[in-house]
Amino acid sequence: MTTETETVPPKQMTALSPTSNARFSFMHARDKLKAGDMAEVACSHQCTIMLMDDENLAQFIDGHKFHYYGGFYKKLPAQIPAPTTGDWNVVVHTGGSPAPFAYSVSFRKR
């Protein structure tokens, strides 16, 4: 089996906080993945990493209830497998910390 790793440059986006009208920044990358492909995120700080489809990303941005795979990671890099084939979004959120951080998002495809 061969694996190819593709690094996707993330872009900064904003989302509405579900508890207020305030907006917050997060980093986002998107790619088409097959079931079992891995999203891998390396970050200089602990952070929340979420893998979600387009519909749930829209819900997240609008401050509504959404579903994702992943969670809060203290040990990095984090690897999250795509549960099904389709377009998947990786969201990296550091909890609003103003401290600078370095990170990368890559996708390992089977």
C-alpha atoms as a PDB file:
ATOM      1  CA  MET A   1       0.000   0.000   0.000  1.00  0.00           C
ATOM      2  CA  THR A   2       1.326   3.450  -0.851  1.00  0.00           C
ATOM      3  CA  THR A   3       0.471   6.612   0.992  1.00  0.00           C
ATOM      4  CA  GLU A   4       0.776  10.102  -0.329  1.00  0.00           C
ATOM      5  CA  THR A   5       0.895  13.105   1.976  1.00  0.00           C
ATOM      6  CA  GLU A   6      -0.419  16.408   0.739  1.00  0.00           C
ATOM      7  CA  THR A   7       0.072  19.584   2.774  1.00  0.00           C
ATOM      8  CA  VAL A   8      -2.740  22.074   2.321  1.00  0.00           C
ATOM      9  CA  PRO A   9      -2.134  25.697   3.299  1.00  0.00           C
ATOM     10  CA  PRO A  10      -4.848  26.577   5.846  1.00  0.00           C
ATOM     11  CA  LYS A  11      -6.666  29.897   5.696  1.00  0.00           C
ATOM     12  CA  GLN A  12      -7.988  32.010   8.531  1.00  0.00           C
ATOM     13  CA  MET A  13     -11.765  32.291   8.857  1.00  0.00           C
ATOM     14  CA  THR A  14     -14.180  33.561  11.501  1.00  0.00           C
ATOM     15  CA  ALA A  15     -17.119  31.969  13.300  1.00  0.00           C
ATOM     16  CA  LEU A  16     -19.888  33.290  15.496  1.00  0.00           C
ATOM     17  CA  SER A  17     -19.642  32.264  19.150  1.00  0.00           C
ATOM     18  CA  PRO A  18     -22.706  30.245  20.213  1.00  0.00           C
ATOM     19  CA  THR A  19     -22.788  32.066  23.578  1.00  0.00           C
ATOM     20  CA  SER A  20     -22.564  35.659  22.294  1.00  0.00           C
ATOM     21  CA  ASN A  21     -22.600  37.707  19.118  1.00  0.00           C
ATOM     22  CA  ALA A  22     -18.791  37.909  19.174  1.00  0.00           C
ATOM     23  CA  ARG A  23     -16.812  36.405  16.321  1.00  0.00           C
ATOM     24  CA  PHE A  24     -13.603  34.416  16.767  1.00  0.00           C
ATOM     25  CA  SER A  25     -10.874  33.305  14.380  1.00  0.00           C
ATOM     26  CA  PHE A  26      -9.937  29.773  13.456  1.00  0.00           C
ATOM     27  CA  MET A  27      -7.779  28.099  10.823  1.00  0.00           C
ATOM     28  CA  HIS A  28      -9.355  25.939   8.142  1.00  0.00           C
ATOM     29  CA  ALA A  29      -8.253  23.494   5.431  1.00  0.00           C
ATOM     30  CA  ARG A  30     -10.433  21.397   3.103  1.00  0.00           C
ATOM     31  CA  ASP A  31      -9.824  18.375   0.900  1.00  0.00           C
ATOM     32  CA  LYS A  32     -11.591  15.421  -0.690  1.00  0.00           C
ATOM     33  CA  LEU A  33     -10.817  12.299   1.351  1.00  0.00           C
ATOM     34  CA  LYS A  34     -11.652   8.630   1.070  1.00  0.00           C
ATOM     35  CA  ALA A  35     -12.832   6.686   4.111  1.00  0.00           C
ATOM     36  CA  GLY A  36      -9.745   5.923   6.209  1.00  0.00           C
ATOM     37  CA  ASP A  37      -7.587   8.765   4.829  1.00  0.00           C
ATOM     38  CA  MET A  38      -5.972  10.744   7.640  1.00  0.00           C
ATOM     39  CA  ALA A  39      -6.058  14.420   8.451  1.00  0.00           C
ATOM     40  CA  GLU A  40      -2.883  15.228  10.387  1.00  0.00           C
ATOM     41  CA  VAL A  41      -2.381  18.459  12.320  1.00  0.00           C
ATOM     42  CA  ALA A  42       0.843  19.562  13.978  1.00  0.00           C
ATOM     43  CA  CYS A  43       0.704  22.605  16.238  1.00  0.00           C
ATOM     44  CA  SER A  44       3.093  24.347  18.616  1.00  0.00           C
ATOM     45  CA  HIS A  45       0.334  24.651  21.258  1.00  0.00           C
ATOM     46  CA  GLN A  46      -2.442  22.424  22.506  1.00  0.00           C
ATOM     47  CA  CYS A  47      -5.589  23.089  20.508  1.00  0.00           C
ATOM     48  CA  THR A  48      -9.000  21.865  19.445  1.00  0.00           C
ATOM     49  CA  ILE A  49      -8.984  20.056  16.101  1.00  0.00           C
ATOM     50  CA  MET A  50     -12.247  19.220  14.372  1.00  0.00           C
ATOM     51  CA  LEU A  51     -12.879  17.212  11.210  1.00  0.00           C
ATOM     52  CA  MET A  52     -16.326  17.948   9.757  1.00  0.00           C
ATOM     53  CA  ASP A  53     -18.291  17.947   6.538  1.00  0.00           C
ATOM     54  CA  ASP A  54     -19.434  21.125   4.736  1.00  0.00           C
ATOM     55  CA  GLU A  55     -22.868  21.220   6.381  1.00  0.00           C
ATOM     56  CA  ASN A  56     -21.417  21.041   9.885  1.00  0.00           C
ATOM     57  CA  LEU A  57     -18.758  23.632   9.029  1.00  0.00           C
ATOM     58  CA  ALA A  58     -21.543  26.048   8.009  1.00  0.00           C
ATOM     59  CA  GLN A  59     -23.358  25.327  11.302  1.00  0.00           C
ATOM     60  CA  PHE A  60     -20.102  25.951  13.234  1.00  0.00           C
ATOM     61  CA  ILE A  61     -19.472  29.267  11.445  1.00  0.00           C
ATOM     62  CA  ASP A  62     -23.042  30.431  12.109  1.00  0.00           C
ATOM     63  CA  GLY A  63     -22.786  29.559  15.820  1.00  0.00           C
ATOM     64  CA  HIS A  64     -25.283  26.676  15.685  1.00  0.00           C
ATOM     65  CA  LYS A  65     -25.035  23.120  16.977  1.00  0.00           C
ATOM     66  CA  PHE A  66     -22.691  20.971  14.870  1.00  0.00           C
ATOM     67  CA  HIS A  67     -20.997  17.575  14.863  1.00  0.00           C
ATOM     68  CA  TYR A  68     -17.332  16.770  14.320  1.00  0.00           C
ATOM     69  CA  TYR A  69     -14.617  14.151  14.747  1.00  0.00           C
ATOM     70  CA  GLY A  70     -11.593  15.024  16.857  1.00  0.00           C
ATOM     71  CA  GLY A  71     -11.410  17.066  20.050  1.00  0.00           C
ATOM     72  CA  PHE A  72      -8.954  18.867  22.307  1.00  0.00           C
ATOM     73  CA  TYR A  73      -5.388  17.666  21.786  1.00  0.00           C
ATOM     74  CA  LYS A  74      -2.493  18.149  24.183  1.00  0.00           C
ATOM     75  CA  LYS A  75      -0.199  15.688  22.377  1.00  0.00           C
ATOM     76  CA  LEU A  76       0.473  16.539  18.765  1.00  0.00           C
ATOM     77  CA  PRO A  77       0.541  15.792  15.920  1.00  0.00           C
ATOM     78  CA  ALA A  78      -3.070  14.656  15.912  1.00  0.00           C
ATOM     79  CA  GLN A  79      -4.350  12.181  13.361  1.00  0.00           C
ATOM     80  CA  ILE A  80      -8.059  11.959  12.593  1.00  0.00           C
ATOM     81  CA  PRO A  81      -9.368   9.422  10.057  1.00  0.00           C
ATOM     82  CA  ALA A  82     -12.113  10.395   7.619  1.00  0.00           C
ATOM     83  CA  PRO A  83     -15.121   8.208   8.480  1.00  0.00           C
ATOM     84  CA  THR A  84     -16.554   8.265   4.940  1.00  0.00           C
ATOM     85  CA  THR A  85     -15.543   9.381   1.465  1.00  0.00           C
ATOM     86  CA  GLY A  86     -16.317  13.017   0.670  1.00  0.00           C
ATOM     87  CA  ASP A  87     -15.268  16.625   1.163  1.00  0.00           C
ATOM     88  CA  TRP A  88     -13.849  17.154   4.655  1.00  0.00           C
ATOM     89  CA  ASN A  89     -12.845  20.287   6.567  1.00  0.00           C
ATOM     90  CA  VAL A  90     -10.193  20.502   9.258  1.00  0.00           C
ATOM     91  CA  VAL A  91     -10.659  23.303  11.780  1.00  0.00           C
ATOM     92  CA  VAL A  92      -7.825  24.289  14.144  1.00  0.00           C
ATOM     93  CA  HIS A  93      -8.930  26.445  17.078  1.00  0.00           C
ATOM     94  CA  THR A  94      -6.631  27.539  19.904  1.00  0.00           C
ATOM     95  CA  GLY A  95      -9.394  28.841  22.155  1.00  0.00           C
ATOM     96  CA  GLY A  96      -8.895  32.513  21.349  1.00  0.00           C
ATOM     97  CA  SER A  97      -5.374  32.725  22.757  1.00  0.00           C
ATOM     98  CA  PRO A  98      -3.575  35.804  21.377  1.00  0.00           C
ATOM     99  CA  ALA A  99      -0.231  33.995  21.577  1.00  0.00           C
ATOM    100  CA  PRO A 100       1.334  33.255  18.178  1.00  0.00           C
ATOM    101  CA  PHE A 101       1.418  29.617  17.199  1.00  0.00           C
ATOM    102  CA  ALA A 102       2.777  27.522  14.369  1.00  0.00           C
ATOM    103  CA  TYR A 103       0.802  24.710  12.795  1.00  0.00           C
ATOM    104  CA  SER A 104       0.414  22.641   9.665  1.00  0.00           C
ATOM    105  CA  VAL A 105      -2.369  20.569   8.182  1.00  0.00           C
ATOM    106  CA  SER A 106      -1.668  17.625   5.902  1.00  0.00           C
ATOM    107  CA  PHE A 107      -3.709  14.784   4.486  1.00  0.00           C
ATOM    108  CA  ARG A 108      -2.404  11.219   4.171  1.00  0.00           C
ATOM    109  CA  LYS A 109      -4.263   9.490   1.386  1.00  0.00           C
ATOM    110  CA  ARG A 110      -4.301   5.753   0.832  1.00  0.00           C
END
